[in-house]
C-alpha atoms as a PDB file:
ATOM      1  CA  MET A   1     -26.492  -6.989 -39.092  1.00  0.00           C
ATOM      2  CA  ALA A   2     -27.214  -9.594 -36.402  1.00  0.00           C
ATOM      3  CA  VAL A   3     -23.742 -11.094 -36.789  1.00  0.00           C
ATOM      4  CA  SER A   4     -22.050  -7.700 -36.202  1.00  0.00           C
ATOM      5  CA  LYS A   5     -24.098  -7.158 -33.020  1.00  0.00           C
ATOM      6  CA  ILE A   6     -23.064 -10.556 -31.693  1.00  0.00           C
ATOM      7  CA  ARG A   7     -19.442  -9.888 -32.617  1.00  0.00           C
ATOM      8  CA  MET A   8     -19.559  -6.469 -30.920  1.00  0.00           C
ATOM      9  CA  ARG A   9     -21.013  -8.000 -27.739  1.00  0.00           C
ATOM     10  CA  LEU A  10     -18.337 -10.678 -27.750  1.00  0.00           C
ATOM     11  CA  ILE A  11     -15.607  -8.052 -28.107  1.00  0.00           C
ATOM     12  CA  MET A  12     -17.113  -6.032 -25.257  1.00  0.00           C
ATOM     13  CA  VAL A  13     -17.327  -9.082 -22.980  1.00  0.00           C
ATOM     14  CA  LEU A  14     -13.749 -10.106 -23.771  1.00  0.00           C
ATOM     15  CA  GLY A  15     -12.549  -6.535 -23.197  1.00  0.00           C
ATOM     16  CA  ALA A  16     -14.317  -6.412 -19.822  1.00  0.00           C
ATOM     17  CA  MET A  17     -12.742  -9.732 -18.814  1.00  0.00           C
ATOM     18  CA  VAL A  18      -9.262  -8.513 -19.774  1.00  0.00           C
ATOM     19  CA  LEU A  19      -9.785  -5.262 -17.840  1.00  0.00           C
ATOM     20  CA  PHE A  20     -10.957  -7.184 -14.769  1.00  0.00           C
ATOM     21  CA  GLY A  21      -7.928  -9.488 -14.991  1.00  0.00           C
ATOM     22  CA  VAL A  22      -5.494  -6.568 -15.234  1.00  0.00           C
ATOM     23  CA  LEU A  23      -7.114  -4.819 -12.267  1.00  0.00           C
ATOM     24  CA  ALA A  24      -7.049  -7.985 -10.149  1.00  0.00           C
ATOM     25  CA  TYR A  25      -3.390  -8.653 -11.017  1.00  0.00           C
ATOM     26  CA  SER A  26      -2.255  -5.104 -10.258  1.00  0.00           C
ATOM     27  CA  THR A  27      -4.143  -5.135  -6.957  1.00  0.00           C
ATOM     28  CA  MET A  28      -2.401  -8.335  -5.905  1.00  0.00           C
ATOM     29  CA  GLN A  29       1.021  -6.929  -6.820  1.00  0.00           C
ATOM     30  CA  GLN A  30       0.549  -3.886  -4.574  1.00  0.00           C
ATOM     31  CA  ASN A  31       0.493  -6.019  -1.441  1.00  0.00           C
ATOM     32  CA  GLN A  32       3.577  -8.158  -1.978  1.00  0.00           C
ATOM     33  CA  ASN A  33       5.565  -6.940   1.029  1.00  0.00           C
ATOM     34  CA  GLU A  34       4.310  -6.633   4.598  1.00  0.00           C
ATOM     35  CA  TYR A  35       6.420  -5.037   7.315  1.00  0.00           C
ATOM     36  CA  GLU A  36       6.007  -4.056  10.936  1.00  0.00           C
ATOM     37  CA  VAL A  37       7.765  -0.813  11.774  1.00  0.00           C
ATOM     38  CA  CYS A  38       8.325   0.552  15.275  1.00  0.00           C
ATOM     39  CA  VAL A  39       9.074   4.238  15.758  1.00  0.00           C
ATOM     40  CA  ASN A  40      10.511   5.809  18.906  1.00  0.00           C
ATOM     41  CA  PHE A  41       9.562   9.493  19.057  1.00  0.00           C
ATOM     42  CA  LYS A  42       9.835  11.763  22.110  1.00  0.00           C
ATOM     43  CA  GLY A  43      10.117   8.807  24.449  1.00  0.00           C
ATOM     44  CA  TYR A  44       7.043   6.994  23.104  1.00  0.00           C
ATOM     45  CA  VAL A  45       7.083   3.873  20.940  1.00  0.00           C
ATOM     46  CA  HIS A  46       4.416   2.817  18.455  1.00  0.00           C
ATOM     47  CA  CYS A  47       4.452  -0.163  16.091  1.00  0.00           C
ATOM     48  CA  ALA A  48       2.311  -0.527  12.965  1.00  0.00           C
ATOM     49  CA  LYS A  49       2.022  -3.012  10.103  1.00  0.00           C
ATOM     50  CA  ALA A  50       1.602  -2.076   6.449  1.00  0.00           C
ATOM     51  CA  LYS A  51       1.759  -3.685   3.007  1.00  0.00           C
ATOM     52  CA  GLY A  52       3.199  -2.274  -0.185  1.00  0.00           C
ATOM     53  CA  ALA A  53       4.454  -3.080  -3.661  1.00  0.00           C
ATOM     54  CA  THR A  54       8.055  -2.479  -2.571  1.00  0.00           C
ATOM     55  CA  VAL A  55       9.904  -2.631   0.725  1.00  0.00           C
ATOM     56  CA  GLN A  56      10.166   1.154   0.771  1.00  0.00           C
ATOM     57  CA  ASP A  57       6.414   1.593   0.181  1.00  0.00           C
ATOM     58  CA  ALA A  58       5.506  -0.796   2.986  1.00  0.00           C
ATOM     59  CA  THR A  59       7.942   0.625   5.536  1.00  0.00           C
ATOM     60  CA  HIS A  60       7.061   4.223   4.670  1.00  0.00           C
ATOM     61  CA  ALA A  61       3.338   3.497   5.066  1.00  0.00           C
ATOM     62  CA  ALA A  62       3.884   1.819   8.442  1.00  0.00           C
ATOM     63  CA  GLN A  63       6.103   4.663   9.655  1.00  0.00           C
ATOM     64  CA  ALA A  64       3.490   7.198   8.554  1.00  0.00           C
ATOM     65  CA  ILE A  65       0.899   5.372  10.678  1.00  0.00           C
ATOM     66  CA  ASP A  66       3.262   5.383  13.663  1.00  0.00           C
ATOM     67  CA  CYS A  67       4.050   9.066  13.304  1.00  0.00           C
ATOM     68  CA  GLU A  68       0.362   9.981  13.061  1.00  0.00           C
ATOM     69  CA  MET A  69      -0.121   8.323  16.442  1.00  0.00           C
ATOM     70  CA  LEU A  70       2.976   9.818  18.106  1.00  0.00           C
ATOM     71  CA  ALA A  71       3.364  13.330  16.716  1.00  0.00           C
ATOM     72  CA  ASN A  72       1.377  16.437  17.600  1.00  0.00           C
ATOM     73  CA  GLY A  73       0.915  18.681  14.605  1.00  0.00           C
ATOM     74  CA  ARG A  74       2.370  18.892  11.155  1.00  0.00           C
ATOM     75  CA  ASP A  75       5.875  19.979  12.172  1.00  0.00           C
ATOM     76  CA  GLU A  76       6.380  17.088  14.593  1.00  0.00           C
ATOM     77  CA  ASN A  77       4.900  14.688  12.042  1.00  0.00           C
ATOM     78  CA  MET A  78       7.477  15.785   9.457  1.00  0.00           C
ATOM     79  CA  VAL A  79      10.321  15.330  11.965  1.00  0.00           C
ATOM     80  CA  CYS A  80       8.988  11.909  12.971  1.00  0.00           C
ATOM     81  CA  ASN A  81       8.633  10.741   9.356  1.00  0.00           C
ATOM     82  CA  SER A  82      12.191  11.803   8.550  1.00  0.00           C
ATOM     83  CA  SER A  83      13.641   9.944  11.544  1.00  0.00           C
ATOM     84  CA  GLN A  84      15.027   6.418  11.375  1.00  0.00           C
ATOM     85  CA  PRO A  85      12.616   3.664  12.570  1.00  0.00           C
ATOM     86  CA  ALA A  86      13.640   1.888  15.779  1.00  0.00           C
ATOM     87  CA  LYS A  87      12.748  -1.531  14.389  1.00  0.00           C
ATOM     88  CA  VAL A  88      11.701  -2.960  11.000  1.00  0.00           C
ATOM     89  CA  THR A  89      10.431  -6.545  10.790  1.00  0.00           C
ATOM     90  CA  LYS A  90       9.347  -8.400   7.646  1.00  0.00           C
ATOM     91  CA  ILE A  91       6.084 -10.297   8.025  1.00  0.00           C
ATOM     92  CA  ASN A  92       5.404 -13.593   6.098  1.00  0.00           C
END
């Protein structure tokens, strides 16, 4: 009885360590790419930096930040997000 409790605790501790390792690894992988994106919208320019797992994720996140700052309302935000960025620069 005492041996099974010790074995169960060991399995639980090992399982928790594996889960923590997987979470830490996946978190690190999400921030592989960092880009600075500048958007020119209605005569105004805004630049923002963002990280992502892929190039597309990072640039889309940075452009979304820019468009939130430049656009007024949902309709303009959609137009801004669908436009081509003025400048895209890889960081690191």
